[in-house]
Amino acid sequence: MVEDVIALPDGLGGDAAVTVMWRPGCPFCAMLLRRLERTGLAFDRVDIWEHPEAAAWVRSVADGNETVPTVRVAGGTPVRAVALVNPSATQVLDVLGRLAPDALPSTAPPSRGPLRGLLDRVRGRAAQR
């Protein structure tokens, strides 16, 4: 985890607290995107092959490598940003719970599976702060 990272270049990402840098054909990216989607989390995604400036940002936080998925989580007052290189959905939600708990999904996943339990735990930790 890299804390207090530089801002994303203009035009990358959107208003979501979480931005996932990914590339087509990356199985780790597909797995993370699928798991985040199942939680109901609102997040932005940026294809580093379509946006060279996104690839440069990834290199700036991943020791010069274009390792994807790389995730930027931002929130708080003043705004802080953290970069996570090849994180799990659990890591993304945990950091989001610390920086921007209001951005956590408001609705639980449809099943009582591990993602539901994870969201319950992250919300509980965020509420204790």
C-alpha atoms as a PDB file:
ATOM      1  CA  MET A   1       0.000   0.000   0.000  1.00  0.00           C
ATOM      2  CA  VAL A   2       1.314   3.404  -0.994  1.00  0.00           C
ATOM      3  CA  GLU A   3      -0.188   6.244   1.036  1.00  0.00           C
ATOM      4  CA  ASP A   4      -0.691   9.872   0.029  1.00  0.00           C
ATOM      5  CA  VAL A   5      -0.200   9.182  -3.663  1.00  0.00           C
ATOM      6  CA  ILE A   6      -0.223  11.782  -6.379  1.00  0.00           C
ATOM      7  CA  ALA A   7      -3.538  12.711  -7.925  1.00  0.00           C
ATOM      8  CA  LEU A   8      -4.761  10.968 -11.036  1.00  0.00           C
ATOM      9  CA  PRO A   9      -4.135  12.889 -14.269  1.00  0.00           C
ATOM     10  CA  ASP A  10      -7.022  15.096 -15.373  1.00  0.00           C
ATOM     11  CA  GLY A  11      -9.764  13.228 -17.155  1.00  0.00           C
ATOM     12  CA  LEU A  12      -9.042   9.857 -15.540  1.00  0.00           C
ATOM     13  CA  GLY A  13     -11.529   8.300 -13.192  1.00  0.00           C
ATOM     14  CA  GLY A  14     -14.681  10.018 -12.128  1.00  0.00           C
ATOM     15  CA  ASP A  15     -16.370  10.960  -8.902  1.00  0.00           C
ATOM     16  CA  ALA A  16     -16.137   7.565  -7.214  1.00  0.00           C
ATOM     17  CA  ALA A  17     -13.824   7.129  -4.237  1.00  0.00           C
ATOM     18  CA  VAL A  18     -12.362   4.002  -5.863  1.00  0.00           C
ATOM     19  CA  THR A  19     -10.677   3.893  -9.262  1.00  0.00           C
ATOM     20  CA  VAL A  20      -9.417   0.588 -10.639  1.00  0.00           C
ATOM     21  CA  MET A  21      -6.617   0.661 -13.218  1.00  0.00           C
ATOM     22  CA  TRP A  22      -6.866  -2.474 -15.339  1.00  0.00           C
ATOM     23  CA  ARG A  23      -6.104  -3.911 -18.779  1.00  0.00           C
ATOM     24  CA  PRO A  24      -7.901  -6.375 -21.041  1.00  0.00           C
ATOM     25  CA  GLY A  25      -6.865 -10.003 -20.682  1.00  0.00           C
ATOM     26  CA  CYS A  26      -5.646  -9.623 -17.105  1.00  0.00           C
ATOM     27  CA  PRO A  27      -7.189 -12.425 -15.021  1.00  0.00           C
ATOM     28  CA  PHE A  28      -6.373 -10.670 -11.747  1.00  0.00           C
ATOM     29  CA  CYS A  29      -8.174  -7.560 -12.991  1.00  0.00           C
ATOM     30  CA  ALA A  30     -11.207  -9.575 -14.046  1.00  0.00           C
ATOM     31  CA  MET A  31     -11.383 -11.269 -10.660  1.00  0.00           C
ATOM     32  CA  LEU A  32     -11.128  -8.003  -8.701  1.00  0.00           C
ATOM     33  CA  LEU A  33     -13.642  -6.195 -10.920  1.00  0.00           C
ATOM     34  CA  ARG A  34     -16.116  -9.063 -10.592  1.00  0.00           C
ATOM     35  CA  ARG A  35     -15.778  -9.171  -6.807  1.00  0.00           C
ATOM     36  CA  LEU A  36     -16.137  -5.408  -6.415  1.00  0.00           C
ATOM     37  CA  GLU A  37     -19.206  -5.422  -8.674  1.00  0.00           C
ATOM     38  CA  ARG A  38     -20.797  -8.133  -6.512  1.00  0.00           C
ATOM     39  CA  THR A  39     -20.470  -5.917  -3.430  1.00  0.00           C
ATOM     40  CA  GLY A  40     -22.489  -3.148  -5.083  1.00  0.00           C
ATOM     41  CA  LEU A  41     -19.584  -0.696  -4.749  1.00  0.00           C
ATOM     42  CA  ALA A  42     -19.637   2.280  -7.100  1.00  0.00           C
ATOM     43  CA  PHE A  43     -16.195   2.580  -8.682  1.00  0.00           C
ATOM     44  CA  ASP A  44     -14.501   3.879 -11.800  1.00  0.00           C
ATOM     45  CA  ARG A  45     -12.311   1.801 -14.073  1.00  0.00           C
ATOM     46  CA  VAL A  46      -9.554   2.965 -16.391  1.00  0.00           C
ATOM     47  CA  ASP A  47      -7.948   0.778 -19.071  1.00  0.00           C
ATOM     48  CA  ILE A  48      -4.200   1.526 -18.971  1.00  0.00           C
ATOM     49  CA  TRP A  49      -3.820   0.392 -22.589  1.00  0.00           C
ATOM     50  CA  GLU A  50      -6.267   3.072 -23.740  1.00  0.00           C
ATOM     51  CA  HIS A  51      -4.842   5.787 -21.480  1.00  0.00           C
ATOM     52  CA  PRO A  52      -1.028   6.062 -21.459  1.00  0.00           C
ATOM     53  CA  GLU A  53      -1.244   8.641 -18.671  1.00  0.00           C
ATOM     54  CA  ALA A  54      -2.959   6.012 -16.514  1.00  0.00           C
ATOM     55  CA  ALA A  55      -0.135   3.561 -17.244  1.00  0.00           C
ATOM     56  CA  ALA A  56       2.344   6.261 -16.174  1.00  0.00           C
ATOM     57  CA  TRP A  57       0.414   6.790 -12.937  1.00  0.00           C
ATOM     58  CA  VAL A  58       0.476   3.035 -12.240  1.00  0.00           C
ATOM     59  CA  ARG A  59       4.257   2.994 -12.791  1.00  0.00           C
ATOM     60  CA  SER A  60       4.609   5.898 -10.361  1.00  0.00           C
ATOM     61  CA  VAL A  61       3.035   3.890  -7.521  1.00  0.00           C
ATOM     62  CA  ALA A  62       4.201   0.372  -8.489  1.00  0.00           C
ATOM     63  CA  ASP A  63       7.983   0.760  -8.436  1.00  0.00           C
ATOM     64  CA  GLY A  64       8.161   1.460 -12.160  1.00  0.00           C
ATOM     65  CA  ASN A  65       6.039  -1.546 -13.133  1.00  0.00           C
ATOM     66  CA  GLU A  66       2.694  -1.596 -14.924  1.00  0.00           C
ATOM     67  CA  THR A  67       1.195  -4.007 -12.414  1.00  0.00           C
ATOM     68  CA  VAL A  68      -2.570  -4.240 -12.640  1.00  0.00           C
ATOM     69  CA  PRO A  69      -4.972  -4.129 -11.073  1.00  0.00           C
ATOM     70  CA  THR A  70      -3.797  -1.044  -9.249  1.00  0.00           C
ATOM     71  CA  VAL A  71      -6.470   0.735  -7.242  1.00  0.00           C
ATOM     72  CA  ARG A  72      -6.657   4.331  -6.019  1.00  0.00           C
ATOM     73  CA  VAL A  73      -8.862   4.887  -2.980  1.00  0.00           C
ATOM     74  CA  ALA A  74      -9.508   8.493  -1.979  1.00  0.00           C
ATOM     75  CA  GLY A  75     -11.548  10.163   0.713  1.00  0.00           C
ATOM     76  CA  GLY A  76     -11.600  12.023   3.968  1.00  0.00           C
ATOM     77  CA  THR A  77     -11.072  15.644   4.889  1.00  0.00           C
ATOM     78  CA  PRO A  78      -8.576  16.740   3.802  1.00  0.00           C
ATOM     79  CA  VAL A  79      -8.678  14.263   0.931  1.00  0.00           C
ATOM     80  CA  ARG A  80      -6.106  11.508   1.207  1.00  0.00           C
ATOM     81  CA  ALA A  81      -5.387   8.915  -1.426  1.00  0.00           C
ATOM     82  CA  VAL A  82      -3.947   5.428  -1.153  1.00  0.00           C
ATOM     83  CA  ALA A  83      -2.740   3.185  -3.977  1.00  0.00           C
ATOM     84  CA  LEU A  84      -3.106  -0.584  -3.709  1.00  0.00           C
ATOM     85  CA  VAL A  85      -1.172  -2.775  -6.137  1.00  0.00           C
ATOM     86  CA  ASN A  86      -2.904  -6.065  -7.009  1.00  0.00           C
ATOM     87  CA  PRO A  87      -5.229  -5.908  -3.986  1.00  0.00           C
ATOM     88  CA  SER A  88      -8.052  -8.178  -2.996  1.00  0.00           C
ATOM     89  CA  ALA A  89     -11.612  -6.863  -2.784  1.00  0.00           C
ATOM     90  CA  THR A  90     -11.238  -7.189   0.993  1.00  0.00           C
ATOM     91  CA  GLN A  91      -8.240  -4.841   1.011  1.00  0.00           C
ATOM     92  CA  VAL A  92     -10.021  -2.283  -1.175  1.00  0.00           C
ATOM     93  CA  LEU A  93     -13.104  -2.256   1.055  1.00  0.00           C
ATOM     94  CA  ASP A  94     -11.022  -2.101   4.227  1.00  0.00           C
ATOM     95  CA  VAL A  95      -9.092   0.973   3.043  1.00  0.00           C
ATOM     96  CA  LEU A  96     -12.317   2.541   1.762  1.00  0.00           C
ATOM     97  CA  GLY A  97     -13.871   1.961   5.187  1.00  0.00           C
ATOM     98  CA  ARG A  98     -11.022   3.940   6.753  1.00  0.00           C
ATOM     99  CA  LEU A  99     -10.850   6.799   4.237  1.00  0.00           C
ATOM    100  CA  ALA A 100     -14.420   7.179   2.987  1.00  0.00           C
ATOM    101  CA  PRO A 101     -16.879   5.021   4.937  1.00  0.00           C
ATOM    102  CA  ASP A 102     -19.819   6.836   3.339  1.00  0.00           C
ATOM    103  CA  ALA A 103     -18.714   5.420  -0.034  1.00  0.00           C
ATOM    104  CA  LEU A 104     -19.194   1.826   1.133  1.00  0.00           C
ATOM    105  CA  PRO A 105     -22.106   0.094  -0.590  1.00  0.00           C
ATOM    106  CA  SER A 106     -25.357   0.875   1.181  1.00  0.00           C
ATOM    107  CA  THR A 107     -27.001  -2.350   0.135  1.00  0.00           C
ATOM    108  CA  ALA A 108     -25.651  -5.752   0.960  1.00  0.00           C
ATOM    109  CA  PRO A 109     -24.853  -8.329  -1.694  1.00  0.00           C
ATOM    110  CA  PRO A 110     -27.781 -10.641  -2.409  1.00  0.00           C
ATOM    111  CA  SER A 111     -26.347 -13.650  -0.579  1.00  0.00           C
ATOM    112  CA  ARG A 112     -25.086 -14.222   2.934  1.00  0.00           C
ATOM    113  CA  GLY A 113     -21.719 -15.279   1.492  1.00  0.00           C
ATOM    114  CA  PRO A 114     -18.275 -13.987   2.374  1.00  0.00           C
ATOM    115  CA  LEU A 115     -18.786 -10.601   0.668  1.00  0.00           C
ATOM    116  CA  ARG A 116     -21.797  -9.868   2.854  1.00  0.00           C
ATOM    117  CA  GLY A 117     -19.792 -10.751   5.973  1.00  0.00           C
ATOM    118  CA  LEU A 118     -16.899  -8.611   4.762  1.00  0.00           C
ATOM    119  CA  LEU A 119     -19.116  -5.572   4.237  1.00  0.00           C
ATOM    120  CA  ASP A 120     -20.657  -6.044   7.665  1.00  0.00           C
ATOM    121  CA  ARG A 121     -17.183  -6.161   9.267  1.00  0.00           C
ATOM    122  CA  VAL A 122     -15.883  -3.117   7.335  1.00  0.00           C
ATOM    123  CA  ARG A 123     -19.000  -1.102   8.232  1.00  0.00           C
ATOM    124  CA  GLY A 124     -18.560  -2.071  11.871  1.00  0.00           C
ATOM    125  CA  ARG A 125     -14.934  -0.893  11.930  1.00  0.00           C
ATOM    126  CA  ALA A 126     -15.865   2.351  10.165  1.00  0.00           C
ATOM    127  CA  ALA A 127     -18.624   3.025  12.703  1.00  0.00           C
ATOM    128  CA  GLN A 128     -16.160   2.598  15.589  1.00  0.00           C
ATOM    129  CA  ARG A 129     -13.949   5.414  14.287  1.00  0.00           C
END
